[in-house]
N, C-alpha and C. Protein backbone atom coordinates (compact mmCIF):
# COMPACT_ATOMS: atom_id res chain seq x y z
N MET A 1 0.77 -1.24 -0.11
CA MET A 1 0.19 -0.17 -0.08
C MET A 1 0.96 1.13 -0.09
N ALA A 2 2.15 0.98 0.15
CA ALA A 2 2.99 2.12 -0.08
C ALA A 2 2.91 2.95 -1.33
N GLY A 3 2.60 4.35 -0.99
CA GLY A 3 2.55 5.14 -1.98
C GLY A 3 1.22 5.44 -2.49
N PHE A 4 0.14 4.76 -1.90
CA PHE A 4 -1.17 4.87 -2.45
C PHE A 4 -1.81 6.32 -2.78
N LEU A 5 -1.16 7.42 -2.14
CA LEU A 5 -1.70 8.58 -2.31
C LEU A 5 -1.15 9.35 -3.65
N GLY A 6 -0.01 8.65 -4.11
CA GLY A 6 0.50 8.96 -5.51
C GLY A 6 0.74 10.69 -5.52
N GLU A 7 0.29 11.19 -6.63
CA GLU A 7 0.32 12.71 -6.78
C GLU A 7 0.10 13.45 -5.69
N GLY A 8 -1.09 13.18 -4.93
CA GLY A 8 -1.58 13.77 -3.81
C GLY A 8 -0.80 13.73 -2.47
N TYR A 9 0.05 13.12 -2.60
CA TYR A 9 1.01 12.84 -1.27
C TYR A 9 1.36 14.45 -0.74
N LEU A 10 1.82 15.41 -1.50
CA LEU A 10 2.26 16.70 -1.15
C LEU A 10 1.44 17.22 -0.73
N TRP A 11 0.15 17.31 -1.23
CA TRP A 11 -1.21 17.99 -1.14
C TRP A 11 -1.73 17.54 0.29
N VAL A 12 -1.91 16.33 0.64
CA VAL A 12 -2.05 15.67 1.93
C VAL A 12 -1.11 16.17 3.06
N LYS A 13 0.07 16.09 2.79
CA LYS A 13 1.12 16.59 3.51
C LYS A 13 0.88 17.99 4.12
N SER A 14 0.80 18.96 2.98
CA SER A 14 0.63 20.27 3.47
C SER A 14 -0.86 20.55 4.08
N LEU A 15 -1.70 19.95 3.88
CA LEU A 15 -3.16 19.60 4.65
C LEU A 15 -2.76 19.47 6.08
N HIS A 16 -1.98 18.16 6.20
CA HIS A 16 -1.61 17.83 7.53
C HIS A 16 -0.97 19.16 8.47
N ILE A 17 0.26 19.68 7.68
CA ILE A 17 1.01 20.61 8.41
C ILE A 17 0.12 21.90 8.71
N LEU A 18 -0.75 22.23 7.71
CA LEU A 18 -1.84 23.29 8.30
C LEU A 18 -2.77 23.03 9.29
N ALA A 19 -3.37 21.84 9.53
CA ALA A 19 -4.15 21.56 10.31
C ALA A 19 -3.48 21.60 11.74
N VAL A 20 -2.09 20.83 11.62
CA VAL A 20 -1.34 20.94 12.88
C VAL A 20 -1.19 22.21 13.54
N ILE A 21 -0.83 23.14 12.57
CA ILE A 21 -0.52 24.51 13.18
C ILE A 21 -1.55 25.05 13.71
N ALA A 22 -2.81 24.99 12.99
CA ALA A 22 -4.19 25.71 13.55
C ALA A 22 -4.35 24.85 14.81
N TRP A 23 -4.25 23.51 14.90
CA TRP A 23 -4.47 22.79 16.31
C TRP A 23 -3.62 23.36 17.44
N MET A 24 -2.34 23.35 17.19
CA MET A 24 -1.42 23.89 18.14
C MET A 24 -1.57 25.22 18.43
N ALA A 25 -1.86 26.43 17.49
CA ALA A 25 -2.04 27.77 17.87
C ALA A 25 -3.25 27.76 18.71
N GLY A 26 -4.30 27.13 18.56
CA GLY A 26 -5.59 26.99 19.58
C GLY A 26 -4.98 26.43 21.09
N PHE A 27 -4.42 25.42 20.75
CA PHE A 27 -4.00 24.73 21.81
C PHE A 27 -3.02 25.52 22.96
N LEU A 28 -2.33 26.29 22.18
CA LEU A 28 -1.42 27.19 23.03
C LEU A 28 -2.14 28.41 23.33
N TYR A 29 -3.29 28.71 22.90
CA TYR A 29 -4.15 30.00 23.49
C TYR A 29 -5.21 29.67 24.42
N LEU A 30 -5.73 28.41 24.34
CA LEU A 30 -6.92 28.23 25.13
C LEU A 30 -6.60 28.06 26.58
N PRO A 31 -5.52 27.53 26.97
CA PRO A 31 -5.08 27.44 28.56
C PRO A 31 -4.97 28.89 28.77
N ARG A 32 -4.13 29.83 27.71
CA ARG A 32 -3.90 31.07 28.39
C ARG A 32 -5.31 31.90 28.63
N LEU A 33 -6.30 31.51 27.92
CA LEU A 33 -7.73 32.21 27.97
C LEU A 33 -8.30 31.61 29.63
N PHE A 34 -7.78 30.32 29.70
CA PHE A 34 -8.34 30.07 31.16
C PHE A 34 -7.70 30.73 32.03
N VAL A 35 -6.18 30.97 32.06
CA VAL A 35 -5.67 31.82 32.85
C VAL A 35 -6.48 33.10 33.12
N TYR A 36 -6.61 33.82 32.32
CA TYR A 36 -7.23 35.09 32.24
C TYR A 36 -8.88 34.96 32.94
N HIS A 37 -9.40 33.76 32.51
CA HIS A 37 -10.99 33.86 32.81
C HIS A 37 -10.80 33.64 34.33
N CYS A 38 -9.82 33.06 34.98
CA CYS A 38 -9.66 32.82 36.33
C CYS A 38 -9.56 34.23 36.96
N GLN A 39 -9.01 35.11 36.35
CA GLN A 39 -9.10 36.53 36.94
C GLN A 39 -10.20 37.10 36.89
N ALA A 40 -11.30 36.62 35.91
CA ALA A 40 -12.55 37.42 35.89
C ALA A 40 -13.60 37.15 37.11
N GLU A 41 -14.21 37.95 37.43
CA GLU A 41 -15.24 37.63 38.53
C GLU A 41 -16.48 36.65 37.82
N VAL A 42 -16.85 35.59 38.21
CA VAL A 42 -17.81 34.99 37.83
C VAL A 42 -19.11 35.60 37.48
N GLY A 43 -19.59 35.57 36.46
CA GLY A 43 -20.95 36.46 36.18
C GLY A 43 -20.63 37.90 35.28
N SER A 44 -19.42 38.28 35.60
CA SER A 44 -19.09 39.44 34.73
C SER A 44 -19.10 39.36 33.50
N LYS A 45 -19.26 40.52 32.66
CA LYS A 45 -19.25 40.71 31.47
C LYS A 45 -17.85 40.03 30.77
N GLN A 46 -16.74 40.23 31.59
CA GLN A 46 -15.43 39.90 31.08
C GLN A 46 -15.54 38.29 30.78
N SER A 47 -16.17 37.66 32.02
CA SER A 47 -16.29 36.21 32.12
C SER A 47 -17.26 35.71 31.10
N GLU A 48 -18.24 36.42 30.70
CA GLU A 48 -19.01 35.94 29.84
C GLU A 48 -18.27 35.89 28.27
N THR A 49 -17.52 36.94 28.26
CA THR A 49 -16.90 37.27 27.17
C THR A 49 -15.84 36.02 26.79
N PHE A 50 -14.94 35.69 27.87
CA PHE A 50 -14.21 34.48 27.75
C PHE A 50 -14.90 33.23 27.50
N LYS A 51 -16.09 32.95 27.83
CA LYS A 51 -16.78 31.81 27.65
C LYS A 51 -17.08 31.86 26.01
N VAL A 52 -17.37 32.92 25.50
CA VAL A 52 -17.71 32.86 24.23
C VAL A 52 -16.36 32.62 23.52
N MET A 53 -15.29 33.23 23.71
CA MET A 53 -14.04 32.96 22.97
C MET A 53 -13.50 31.51 23.30
N GLU A 54 -13.74 31.09 24.51
CA GLU A 54 -13.35 29.49 24.68
C GLU A 54 -14.16 28.65 23.79
N ARG A 55 -15.33 28.68 23.72
CA ARG A 55 -16.23 27.85 22.95
C ARG A 55 -15.92 28.09 21.43
N ARG A 56 -15.77 29.19 21.02
CA ARG A 56 -15.46 29.45 19.59
C ARG A 56 -14.01 28.97 19.24
N LEU A 57 -13.02 29.01 20.15
CA LEU A 57 -11.72 28.61 19.72
C LEU A 57 -11.80 27.00 19.86
N LEU A 58 -12.52 26.18 20.84
CA LEU A 58 -12.37 25.01 20.74
C LEU A 58 -13.28 24.30 19.67
N ARG A 59 -14.65 24.88 19.24
CA ARG A 59 -15.48 24.25 18.60
C ARG A 59 -15.07 24.45 16.80
N ALA A 60 -14.66 25.86 16.79
CA ALA A 60 -14.42 26.12 15.23
C ALA A 60 -13.26 26.23 14.86
N ILE A 61 -12.20 26.12 15.74
CA ILE A 61 -10.66 25.78 15.26
C ILE A 61 -10.13 24.70 15.81
N MET A 62 -10.00 24.45 17.12
CA MET A 62 -9.25 23.16 17.49
C MET A 62 -9.97 21.71 17.34
N ASN A 63 -11.30 21.58 17.20
CA ASN A 63 -11.83 20.30 17.23
C ASN A 63 -11.49 20.10 15.59
N PRO A 64 -12.13 20.82 14.69
CA PRO A 64 -11.99 20.47 13.27
C PRO A 64 -10.50 20.48 12.77
N SER A 65 -9.80 21.18 13.36
CA SER A 65 -8.34 21.09 12.96
C SER A 65 -7.43 19.67 13.45
N MET A 66 -7.94 19.36 14.97
CA MET A 66 -7.49 18.04 15.50
C MET A 66 -7.96 16.92 14.53
N LEU A 67 -9.29 16.83 14.08
CA LEU A 67 -9.80 15.55 13.12
C LEU A 67 -9.26 15.80 11.86
N VAL A 68 -8.93 16.93 11.13
CA VAL A 68 -8.01 16.83 10.05
C VAL A 68 -6.79 16.50 10.10
N SER A 69 -6.02 17.01 11.27
CA SER A 69 -4.63 16.58 11.50
C SER A 69 -4.59 14.93 11.68
N TRP A 70 -5.46 14.28 12.24
CA TRP A 70 -5.59 12.79 12.66
C TRP A 70 -5.81 12.08 11.25
N ALA A 71 -6.94 12.79 10.39
CA ALA A 71 -7.07 11.96 9.34
C ALA A 71 -5.94 12.13 8.10
N ALA A 72 -5.41 13.28 7.87
CA ALA A 72 -4.13 13.42 7.27
C ALA A 72 -2.95 12.64 7.66
N GLY A 73 -2.82 12.85 8.85
CA GLY A 73 -1.77 12.13 9.48
C GLY A 73 -1.66 10.49 9.34
N LEU A 74 -2.89 9.86 9.42
CA LEU A 74 -2.88 8.58 9.26
C LEU A 74 -2.82 8.16 7.89
N ALA A 75 -3.37 9.05 6.79
CA ALA A 75 -3.19 8.78 5.20
C ALA A 75 -1.66 9.05 5.12
N LEU A 76 -1.00 9.70 5.50
CA LEU A 76 0.31 9.97 5.47
C LEU A 76 0.95 8.77 5.79
N ALA A 77 0.66 8.28 7.14
CA ALA A 77 1.39 6.92 7.73
C ALA A 77 1.25 5.67 7.03
N ALA A 78 0.12 5.57 6.13
CA ALA A 78 -0.19 4.66 5.35
C ALA A 78 0.50 4.44 4.34
N HIS A 79 0.62 6.03 3.61
CA HIS A 79 1.59 6.07 2.33
C HIS A 79 2.74 5.76 2.68
N ILE A 80 3.33 5.99 3.63
CA ILE A 80 4.80 5.54 3.91
C ILE A 80 5.24 4.39 4.58
N GLU A 81 3.85 3.67 4.97
CA GLU A 81 3.88 2.48 5.77
C GLU A 81 4.93 2.45 6.95
N ALA A 82 4.42 3.42 7.89
CA ALA A 82 5.18 3.78 8.97
C ALA A 82 4.81 2.87 10.08
N TRP A 83 3.85 1.72 10.09
CA TRP A 83 3.09 1.33 11.06
C TRP A 83 4.21 0.38 11.95
N GLY A 84 5.41 0.19 11.64
CA GLY A 84 6.15 -0.82 12.29
C GLY A 84 7.36 0.06 12.77
N ASP A 85 7.63 1.33 12.48
CA ASP A 85 8.73 2.09 12.97
C ASP A 85 8.53 2.62 14.27
N GLY A 86 9.54 2.39 15.02
CA GLY A 86 9.70 2.73 16.23
C GLY A 86 9.32 4.43 16.60
N TRP A 87 9.83 5.42 15.56
CA TRP A 87 9.73 6.84 15.63
C TRP A 87 8.26 6.74 15.61
N PHE A 88 7.62 6.23 14.93
CA PHE A 88 6.05 6.43 14.65
C PHE A 88 5.11 6.08 15.77
N HIS A 89 5.71 4.95 16.49
CA HIS A 89 4.97 4.42 17.60
C HIS A 89 5.25 5.58 18.83
N ALA A 90 6.26 6.17 18.82
CA ALA A 90 6.53 7.33 19.94
C ALA A 90 5.86 8.53 19.55
N LYS A 91 5.81 8.69 18.32
CA LYS A 91 5.00 9.67 18.07
C LYS A 91 3.58 9.62 18.25
N LEU A 92 3.00 8.54 17.88
CA LEU A 92 1.83 8.19 18.05
C LEU A 92 1.30 8.09 19.57
N THR A 93 1.97 7.78 20.49
CA THR A 93 1.75 8.08 21.86
C THR A 93 1.83 9.40 22.45
N LEU A 94 2.79 10.16 22.04
CA LEU A 94 2.61 11.23 22.46
C LEU A 94 1.26 12.10 21.76
N LEU A 95 0.90 11.86 20.50
CA LEU A 95 -0.20 12.19 19.74
C LEU A 95 -1.71 11.77 20.55
N VAL A 96 -1.68 10.60 20.96
CA VAL A 96 -2.61 10.05 21.98
C VAL A 96 -2.78 10.99 23.27
N ILE A 97 -1.61 11.10 23.94
CA ILE A 97 -1.72 12.07 25.07
C ILE A 97 -2.19 13.28 24.85
N LEU A 98 -1.72 13.97 23.51
CA LEU A 98 -2.08 15.28 23.17
C LEU A 98 -3.46 15.36 23.04
N THR A 99 -4.15 14.28 22.32
CA THR A 99 -5.58 14.18 22.07
C THR A 99 -6.73 14.01 23.22
N VAL A 100 -5.82 13.30 24.34
CA VAL A 100 -6.64 13.09 25.45
C VAL A 100 -6.68 14.41 26.49
N LEU A 101 -5.51 15.21 26.26
CA LEU A 101 -5.62 16.49 26.77
C LEU A 101 -6.36 17.43 26.17
N HIS A 102 -6.68 17.43 25.00
CA HIS A 102 -7.68 18.17 24.19
C HIS A 102 -9.02 17.73 24.81
N MET A 103 -9.27 16.48 24.88
CA MET A 103 -10.64 16.26 25.49
C MET A 103 -10.82 16.73 27.05
N VAL A 104 -9.61 16.70 27.75
CA VAL A 104 -9.74 17.28 29.14
C VAL A 104 -9.97 18.80 29.14
N ALA A 105 -9.15 19.23 28.23
CA ALA A 105 -9.33 20.98 28.17
C ALA A 105 -10.83 21.11 27.72
N ALA A 106 -11.56 20.43 26.83
CA ALA A 106 -12.95 20.59 26.57
C ALA A 106 -13.89 20.44 27.77
N ARG A 107 -13.39 19.67 28.60
CA ARG A 107 -14.24 19.59 29.98
C ARG A 107 -13.93 20.72 30.95
N TRP A 108 -12.58 21.23 30.77
CA TRP A 108 -12.22 22.56 31.56
C TRP A 108 -13.10 23.53 30.92
N ARG A 109 -13.33 23.85 29.42
CA ARG A 109 -14.18 24.65 29.09
C ARG A 109 -15.52 24.73 29.82
N ARG A 110 -16.08 23.64 29.44
CA ARG A 110 -17.54 23.14 30.16
C ARG A 110 -17.60 23.75 31.71
N ALA A 111 -16.51 23.38 32.29
CA ALA A 111 -16.69 23.83 33.69
C ALA A 111 -16.70 25.39 33.82
N PHE A 112 -16.00 26.21 33.11
CA PHE A 112 -15.96 27.52 33.02
C PHE A 112 -17.15 28.21 32.53
N ALA A 113 -17.99 27.30 31.56
CA ALA A 113 -19.17 27.74 31.00
C ALA A 113 -20.29 27.56 31.91
N GLU A 114 -20.05 26.66 33.00
CA GLU A 114 -21.07 26.58 34.02
C GLU A 114 -20.74 27.26 35.22
N ASP A 115 -19.60 28.16 35.40
CA ASP A 115 -19.18 28.91 36.45
C ASP A 115 -18.74 27.89 37.48
N ALA A 116 -18.29 26.71 37.16
CA ALA A 116 -17.95 25.83 37.92
C ALA A 116 -16.30 25.20 38.06
N ASN A 117 -15.81 26.41 37.52
CA ASN A 117 -14.05 25.86 37.55
C ASN A 117 -13.47 25.91 39.07
N ARG A 118 -12.72 24.92 39.20
CA ARG A 118 -12.41 24.80 40.62
C ARG A 118 -10.70 24.68 40.59
N ARG A 119 -10.10 25.05 39.39
CA ARG A 119 -8.72 25.01 39.35
C ARG A 119 -8.19 26.49 39.46
N SER A 120 -6.95 26.66 39.54
CA SER A 120 -6.40 27.81 39.99
C SER A 120 -5.73 28.33 38.73
N GLU A 121 -5.45 29.70 38.61
CA GLU A 121 -4.61 30.29 37.74
C GLU A 121 -3.18 29.58 37.38
N ARG A 122 -2.67 29.17 38.38
CA ARG A 122 -1.27 28.56 38.37
C ARG A 122 -1.55 27.39 37.45
N PHE A 123 -2.47 26.41 37.93
CA PHE A 123 -2.75 25.14 37.21
C PHE A 123 -2.73 25.38 35.94
N TYR A 124 -3.54 26.48 35.19
CA TYR A 124 -3.68 26.68 33.64
C TYR A 124 -2.49 27.41 33.34
N ARG A 125 -1.68 27.86 34.04
CA ARG A 125 -0.37 28.47 33.49
C ARG A 125 0.63 27.27 33.34
N VAL A 126 0.63 26.45 33.95
CA VAL A 126 1.22 24.88 33.86
C VAL A 126 0.79 24.26 32.66
N MET A 127 -0.46 23.84 32.70
CA MET A 127 -0.92 23.23 31.68
C MET A 127 -0.93 23.88 30.15
N ASN A 128 -0.62 25.28 30.11
CA ASN A 128 -0.28 26.05 28.94
C ASN A 128 0.90 25.46 28.23
N GLU A 129 2.04 25.01 29.14
CA GLU A 129 3.17 24.64 28.68
C GLU A 129 3.09 22.82 27.94
N VAL A 130 2.37 22.21 28.45
CA VAL A 130 2.10 20.75 28.11
C VAL A 130 1.99 20.41 26.66
N PRO A 131 1.05 21.21 25.83
CA PRO A 131 1.09 21.05 24.53
C PRO A 131 2.37 21.44 23.68
N ALA A 132 3.04 22.52 24.20
CA ALA A 132 4.29 22.80 23.52
C ALA A 132 5.39 21.54 23.69
N VAL A 133 5.34 21.05 24.83
CA VAL A 133 6.50 20.08 25.42
C VAL A 133 6.06 18.85 24.42
N LEU A 134 4.89 18.46 24.23
CA LEU A 134 4.29 17.23 23.63
C LEU A 134 4.64 17.78 21.90
N MET A 135 4.48 18.88 21.46
CA MET A 135 4.90 19.27 20.23
C MET A 135 6.06 19.30 19.77
N ILE A 136 7.09 19.51 20.65
CA ILE A 136 8.28 19.42 20.52
C ILE A 136 8.96 17.93 20.43
N GLY A 137 8.51 16.93 20.88
CA GLY A 137 8.52 15.52 20.98
C GLY A 137 8.17 14.98 19.78
N ILE A 138 7.04 15.46 19.33
CA ILE A 138 6.21 14.84 18.19
C ILE A 138 7.03 15.19 16.92
N VAL A 139 7.65 16.71 16.79
CA VAL A 139 8.50 16.99 15.77
C VAL A 139 9.79 16.34 15.62
N VAL A 140 10.32 16.22 16.72
CA VAL A 140 11.46 15.54 16.84
C VAL A 140 11.51 14.07 16.19
N PHE A 141 10.34 13.59 16.76
CA PHE A 141 10.41 12.18 16.43
C PHE A 141 10.02 11.73 14.82
N VAL A 142 9.12 12.85 14.22
CA VAL A 142 9.06 12.94 12.75
C VAL A 142 10.18 13.19 12.06
N VAL A 143 10.85 14.16 12.40
CA VAL A 143 11.81 14.67 11.54
C VAL A 143 13.20 13.94 11.76
N VAL A 144 13.72 13.84 12.88
CA VAL A 144 14.80 12.77 13.34
C VAL A 144 14.85 11.48 13.21
N LYS A 145 13.57 11.01 13.49
CA LYS A 145 13.22 9.38 13.50
C LYS A 145 14.43 8.75 14.39
N PRO A 146 14.79 9.11 15.55
CA PRO A 146 15.66 8.47 16.07
C PRO A 146 15.81 6.98 16.42
N PHE A 147 14.67 6.50 16.24
CA PHE A 147 14.64 4.94 16.18
C PHE A 147 13.46 4.53 15.23
């Protein structure tokens, strides 16, 4: 099945890169919004604005770009027959962790939407760094292919 994308390989690869950029941009911004949301008084106009921003970021940018990243990435993996490669398993492990974190962030957003957030500003500051660390690992595994 190697090369099944044919001439479309570079188009799928471009789509994958663009989707990953959009997903990561959102992922690096959403926890930052949570930090600012923690500072807003519950029920205030500012808090309500953050709710709208968080919902739109997650639903309009992050969710679609995550799905496109997965679909295009799996197509690329099939194209190069990466299933048995160690670097691919490592990348996939980090990607699954990133996806689970995405789902957890969606739960945090719902908590803010319901005025039920119980986490601190500091917690979200730390969580703002986790997607970046995972992204670094993923890029290194894909580009360097250390094993």
